[in-house]
Amino acid sequence: MKRLADFKSNERIPRPVIKALPVQFSDDAATRRIALHHAKRVISQHKEEIQRLAYK
């Protein structure tokens, strides 16, 4: 599995441009669920690297 340190700017894969739908975020339960879900996902994906940086 690649880690954040493994990515270099010259190794980018060209991806097709897609149109995204505009989403209005507000201070409600749905927005908090979306934000927490994605934050937890990123943290769990890079947990070892985050812990190494935290206890450096």
PDB file of N, CA and C in Angstrom:
ATOM      1  N   MET A   1       0.850  -1.174   0.000  1.00  0.00           N
ATOM      2  CA  MET A   1       0.000   0.000   0.000  1.00  0.00           C
ATOM      3  C   MET A   1       0.898   1.240   0.000  1.00  0.00           C
ATOM      4  N   LYS A   2       0.600   2.189  -0.859  1.00  0.00           N
ATOM      5  CA  LYS A   2       1.389   3.412  -0.924  1.00  0.00           C
ATOM      6  C   LYS A   2       1.063   4.328   0.247  1.00  0.00           C
ATOM      7  N   ARG A   3       2.052   5.019   0.730  1.00  0.00           N
ATOM      8  CA  ARG A   3       1.893   5.984   1.807  1.00  0.00           C
ATOM      9  C   ARG A   3       2.046   7.378   1.230  1.00  0.00           C
ATOM     10  N   LEU A   4       1.700   8.378   2.017  1.00  0.00           N
ATOM     11  CA  LEU A   4       1.780   9.763   1.546  1.00  0.00           C
ATOM     12  C   LEU A   4       3.190  10.111   1.081  1.00  0.00           C
ATOM     13  N   ALA A   5       4.205   9.622   1.781  1.00  0.00           N
ATOM     14  CA  ALA A   5       5.587   9.935   1.428  1.00  0.00           C
ATOM     15  C   ALA A   5       5.990   9.301   0.095  1.00  0.00           C
ATOM     16  N   ASP A   6       5.279   8.274  -0.344  1.00  0.00           N
ATOM     17  CA  ASP A   6       5.616   7.574  -1.585  1.00  0.00           C
ATOM     18  C   ASP A   6       5.154   8.316  -2.840  1.00  0.00           C
ATOM     19  N   PHE A   7       4.263   9.275  -2.697  1.00  0.00           N
ATOM     20  CA  PHE A   7       3.729   9.979  -3.851  1.00  0.00           C
ATOM     21  C   PHE A   7       4.629  11.140  -4.234  1.00  0.00           C
ATOM     22  N   LYS A   8       4.939  11.223  -5.498  1.00  0.00           N
ATOM     23  CA  LYS A   8       5.752  12.325  -5.998  1.00  0.00           C
ATOM     24  C   LYS A   8       4.945  13.063  -7.060  1.00  0.00           C
ATOM     25  N   SER A   9       5.214  14.350  -7.204  1.00  0.00           N
ATOM     26  CA  SER A   9       4.414  15.158  -8.123  1.00  0.00           C
ATOM     27  C   SER A   9       4.607  14.734  -9.580  1.00  0.00           C
ATOM     28  N   ASN A  10       5.737  14.128  -9.925  1.00  0.00           N
ATOM     29  CA  ASN A  10       5.964  13.726 -11.319  1.00  0.00           C
ATOM     30  C   ASN A  10       5.413  12.332 -11.618  1.00  0.00           C
ATOM     31  N   GLU A  11       4.812  11.660 -10.641  1.00  0.00           N
ATOM     32  CA  GLU A  11       4.238  10.334 -10.856  1.00  0.00           C
ATOM     33  C   GLU A  11       2.724  10.388 -10.994  1.00  0.00           C
ATOM     34  N   ARG A  12       2.185  11.521 -11.337  1.00  0.00           N
ATOM     35  CA  ARG A  12       0.727  11.653 -11.411  1.00  0.00           C
ATOM     36  C   ARG A  12       0.163  10.901 -12.609  1.00  0.00           C
ATOM     37  N   ILE A  13      -0.959  10.271 -12.381  1.00  0.00           N
ATOM     38  CA  ILE A  13      -1.656   9.539 -13.435  1.00  0.00           C
ATOM     39  C   ILE A  13      -2.689  10.488 -14.029  1.00  0.00           C
ATOM     40  N   PRO A  14      -2.658  10.710 -15.340  1.00  0.00           N
ATOM     41  CA  PRO A  14      -3.671  11.596 -15.932  1.00  0.00           C
ATOM     42  C   PRO A  14      -5.064  10.983 -15.799  1.00  0.00           C
ATOM     43  N   ARG A  15      -5.977  11.738 -15.290  1.00  0.00           N
ATOM     44  CA  ARG A  15      -7.337  11.247 -15.094  1.00  0.00           C
ATOM     45  C   ARG A  15      -8.302  12.118 -15.895  1.00  0.00           C
ATOM     46  N   PRO A  16      -9.397  11.528 -16.362  1.00  0.00           N
ATOM     47  CA  PRO A  16     -10.367  12.329 -17.109  1.00  0.00           C
ATOM     48  C   PRO A  16     -11.071  13.327 -16.193  1.00  0.00           C
ATOM     49  N   VAL A  17     -11.405  14.473 -16.757  1.00  0.00           N
ATOM     50  CA  VAL A  17     -12.109  15.498 -15.986  1.00  0.00           C
ATOM     51  C   VAL A  17     -13.584  15.113 -15.926  1.00  0.00           C
ATOM     52  N   ILE A  18     -14.129  15.114 -14.726  1.00  0.00           N
ATOM     53  CA  ILE A  18     -15.542  14.798 -14.566  1.00  0.00           C
ATOM     54  C   ILE A  18     -16.242  15.999 -13.947  1.00  0.00           C
ATOM     55  N   LYS A  19     -17.500  16.143 -14.272  1.00  0.00           N
ATOM     56  CA  LYS A  19     -18.278  17.225 -13.684  1.00  0.00           C
ATOM     57  C   LYS A  19     -18.798  16.776 -12.331  1.00  0.00           C
ATOM     58  N   ALA A  20     -18.608  17.612 -11.338  1.00  0.00           N
ATOM     59  CA  ALA A  20     -19.096  17.299 -10.000  1.00  0.00           C
ATOM     60  C   ALA A  20     -20.342  18.132  -9.725  1.00  0.00           C
ATOM     61  N   LEU A  21     -21.240  17.544  -9.005  1.00  0.00           N
ATOM     62  CA  LEU A  21     -22.441  18.273  -8.628  1.00  0.00           C
ATOM     63  C   LEU A  21     -22.132  19.184  -7.450  1.00  0.00           C
ATOM     64  N   PRO A  22     -22.652  20.388  -7.455  1.00  0.00           N
ATOM     65  CA  PRO A  22     -22.408  21.271  -6.308  1.00  0.00           C
ATOM     66  C   PRO A  22     -23.140  20.742  -5.069  1.00  0.00           C
ATOM     67  N   VAL A  23     -22.438  20.771  -3.953  1.00  0.00           N
ATOM     68  CA  VAL A  23     -23.010  20.298  -2.705  1.00  0.00           C
ATOM     69  C   VAL A  23     -22.925  21.425  -1.692  1.00  0.00           C
ATOM     70  N   GLN A  24     -24.026  21.714  -1.064  1.00  0.00           N
ATOM     71  CA  GLN A  24     -24.057  22.735  -0.032  1.00  0.00           C
ATOM     72  C   GLN A  24     -23.839  22.071   1.320  1.00  0.00           C
ATOM     73  N   PHE A  25     -22.727  22.401   1.964  1.00  0.00           N
ATOM     74  CA  PHE A  25     -22.480  21.885   3.295  1.00  0.00           C
ATOM     75  C   PHE A  25     -22.989  22.898   4.303  1.00  0.00           C
ATOM     76  N   SER A  26     -23.565  22.389   5.361  1.00  0.00           N
ATOM     77  CA  SER A  26     -24.058  23.268   6.412  1.00  0.00           C
ATOM     78  C   SER A  26     -23.785  22.605   7.750  1.00  0.00           C
ATOM     79  N   ASP A  27     -24.199  23.248   8.810  1.00  0.00           N
ATOM     80  CA  ASP A  27     -23.956  22.714  10.143  1.00  0.00           C
ATOM     81  C   ASP A  27     -25.124  21.823  10.557  1.00  0.00           C
ATOM     82  N   ASP A  28     -25.185  20.640   9.942  1.00  0.00           N
ATOM     83  CA  ASP A  28     -26.257  19.708  10.283  1.00  0.00           C
ATOM     84  C   ASP A  28     -25.691  18.295  10.405  1.00  0.00           C
ATOM     85  N   ALA A  29     -26.524  17.365  10.764  1.00  0.00           N
ATOM     86  CA  ALA A  29     -26.087  15.995  11.018  1.00  0.00           C
ATOM     87  C   ALA A  29     -25.540  15.315   9.763  1.00  0.00           C
ATOM     88  N   ALA A  30     -26.140  15.559   8.627  1.00  0.00           N
ATOM     89  CA  ALA A  30     -25.694  14.907   7.389  1.00  0.00           C
ATOM     90  C   ALA A  30     -24.275  15.343   7.025  1.00  0.00           C
ATOM     91  N   THR A  31     -23.997  16.629   7.128  1.00  0.00           N
ATOM     92  CA  THR A  31     -22.658  17.134   6.813  1.00  0.00           C
ATOM     93  C   THR A  31     -21.638  16.567   7.788  1.00  0.00           C
ATOM     94  N   ARG A  32     -21.986  16.509   9.066  1.00  0.00           N
ATOM     95  CA  ARG A  32     -21.068  15.952  10.064  1.00  0.00           C
ATOM     96  C   ARG A  32     -20.786  14.481   9.774  1.00  0.00           C
ATOM     97  N   ARG A  33     -21.806  13.720   9.375  1.00  0.00           N
ATOM     98  CA  ARG A  33     -21.611  12.300   9.040  1.00  0.00           C
ATOM     99  C   ARG A  33     -20.655  12.141   7.872  1.00  0.00           C
ATOM    100  N   ILE A  34     -20.833  12.957   6.841  1.00  0.00           N
ATOM    101  CA  ILE A  34     -19.962  12.882   5.659  1.00  0.00           C
ATOM    102  C   ILE A  34     -18.526  13.224   6.044  1.00  0.00           C
ATOM    103  N   ALA A  35     -18.337  14.322   6.775  1.00  0.00           N
ATOM    104  CA  ALA A  35     -16.997  14.755   7.163  1.00  0.00           C
ATOM    105  C   ALA A  35     -16.325  13.718   8.060  1.00  0.00           C
ATOM    106  N   LEU A  36     -17.041  13.192   9.042  1.00  0.00           N
ATOM    107  CA  LEU A  36     -16.462  12.195   9.944  1.00  0.00           C
ATOM    108  C   LEU A  36     -16.112  10.907   9.209  1.00  0.00           C
ATOM    109  N   HIS A  37     -16.974  10.478   8.308  1.00  0.00           N
ATOM    110  CA  HIS A  37     -16.716   9.256   7.548  1.00  0.00           C
ATOM    111  C   HIS A  37     -15.406   9.368   6.777  1.00  0.00           C
ATOM    112  N   HIS A  38     -15.238  10.475   6.060  1.00  0.00           N
ATOM    113  CA  HIS A  38     -14.037  10.635   5.234  1.00  0.00           C
ATOM    114  C   HIS A  38     -12.795  10.875   6.079  1.00  0.00           C
ATOM    115  N   ALA A  39     -12.924  11.597   7.179  1.00  0.00           N
ATOM    116  CA  ALA A  39     -11.776  11.813   8.072  1.00  0.00           C
ATOM    117  C   ALA A  39     -11.315  10.483   8.671  1.00  0.00           C
ATOM    118  N   LYS A  40     -12.253   9.665   9.142  1.00  0.00           N
ATOM    119  CA  LYS A  40     -11.901   8.365   9.720  1.00  0.00           C
ATOM    120  C   LYS A  40     -11.262   7.452   8.678  1.00  0.00           C
ATOM    121  N   ARG A  41     -11.752   7.530   7.456  1.00  0.00           N
ATOM    122  CA  ARG A  41     -11.211   6.693   6.380  1.00  0.00           C
ATOM    123  C   ARG A  41      -9.761   7.053   6.090  1.00  0.00           C
ATOM    124  N   VAL A  42      -9.469   8.354   5.991  1.00  0.00           N
ATOM    125  CA  VAL A  42      -8.100   8.808   5.715  1.00  0.00           C
ATOM    126  C   VAL A  42      -7.182   8.459   6.886  1.00  0.00           C
ATOM    127  N   ILE A  43      -7.667   8.668   8.107  1.00  0.00           N
ATOM    128  CA  ILE A  43      -6.853   8.355   9.286  1.00  0.00           C
ATOM    129  C   ILE A  43      -6.528   6.868   9.342  1.00  0.00           C
ATOM    130  N   SER A  44      -7.513   6.015   9.103  1.00  0.00           N
ATOM    131  CA  SER A  44      -7.258   4.576   9.162  1.00  0.00           C
ATOM    132  C   SER A  44      -6.339   4.120   8.033  1.00  0.00           C
ATOM    133  N   GLN A  45      -6.432   4.765   6.888  1.00  0.00           N
ATOM    134  CA  GLN A  45      -5.582   4.415   5.750  1.00  0.00           C
ATOM    135  C   GLN A  45      -4.118   4.735   6.041  1.00  0.00           C
ATOM    136  N   HIS A  46      -3.859   5.824   6.747  1.00  0.00           N
ATOM    137  CA  HIS A  46      -2.488   6.291   6.971  1.00  0.00           C
ATOM    138  C   HIS A  46      -2.130   6.275   8.458  1.00  0.00           C
ATOM    139  N   LYS A  47      -2.741   5.369   9.216  1.00  0.00           N
ATOM    140  CA  LYS A  47      -2.581   5.339  10.671  1.00  0.00           C
ATOM    141  C   LYS A  47      -1.124   5.182  11.106  1.00  0.00           C
ATOM    142  N   GLU A  48      -0.411   4.228  10.510  1.00  0.00           N
ATOM    143  CA  GLU A  48       0.984   3.985  10.901  1.00  0.00           C
ATOM    144  C   GLU A  48       1.835   5.229  10.672  1.00  0.00           C
ATOM    145  N   GLU A  49       1.667   5.853   9.523  1.00  0.00           N
ATOM    146  CA  GLU A  49       2.471   7.038   9.195  1.00  0.00           C
ATOM    147  C   GLU A  49       2.125   8.200  10.138  1.00  0.00           C
ATOM    148  N   ILE A  50       0.862   8.374  10.453  1.00  0.00           N
ATOM    149  CA  ILE A  50       0.435   9.445  11.359  1.00  0.00           C
ATOM    150  C   ILE A  50       1.021   9.206  12.757  1.00  0.00           C
ATOM    151  N   GLN A  51       1.010   7.966  13.223  1.00  0.00           N
ATOM    152  CA  GLN A  51       1.566   7.650  14.542  1.00  0.00           C
ATOM    153  C   GLN A  51       3.072   7.884  14.574  1.00  0.00           C
ATOM    154  N   ARG A  52       3.770   7.511  13.494  1.00  0.00           N
ATOM    155  CA  ARG A  52       5.216   7.773  13.434  1.00  0.00           C
ATOM    156  C   ARG A  52       5.501   9.256  13.540  1.00  0.00           C
ATOM    157  N   LEU A  53       4.726  10.071  12.819  1.00  0.00           N
ATOM    158  CA  LEU A  53       4.929  11.516  12.858  1.00  0.00           C
ATOM    159  C   LEU A  53       4.573  12.089  14.230  1.00  0.00           C
ATOM    160  N   ALA A  54       3.543  11.552  14.869  1.00  0.00           N
ATOM    161  CA  ALA A  54       3.096  12.071  16.160  1.00  0.00           C
ATOM    162  C   ALA A  54       4.113  11.785  17.261  1.00  0.00           C
ATOM    163  N   TYR A  55       4.763  10.645  17.205  1.00  0.00           N
ATOM    164  CA  TYR A  55       5.699  10.252  18.272  1.00  0.00           C
ATOM    165  C   TYR A  55       7.151  10.414  17.858  1.00  0.00           C
ATOM    166  N   LYS A  56       7.421  11.296  16.923  1.00  0.00           N
ATOM    167  CA  LYS A  56       8.772  11.538  16.434  1.00  0.00           C
ATOM    168  C   LYS A  56       9.614  12.209  17.484  1.00  0.00           C
TER     169      LYS A  56
END
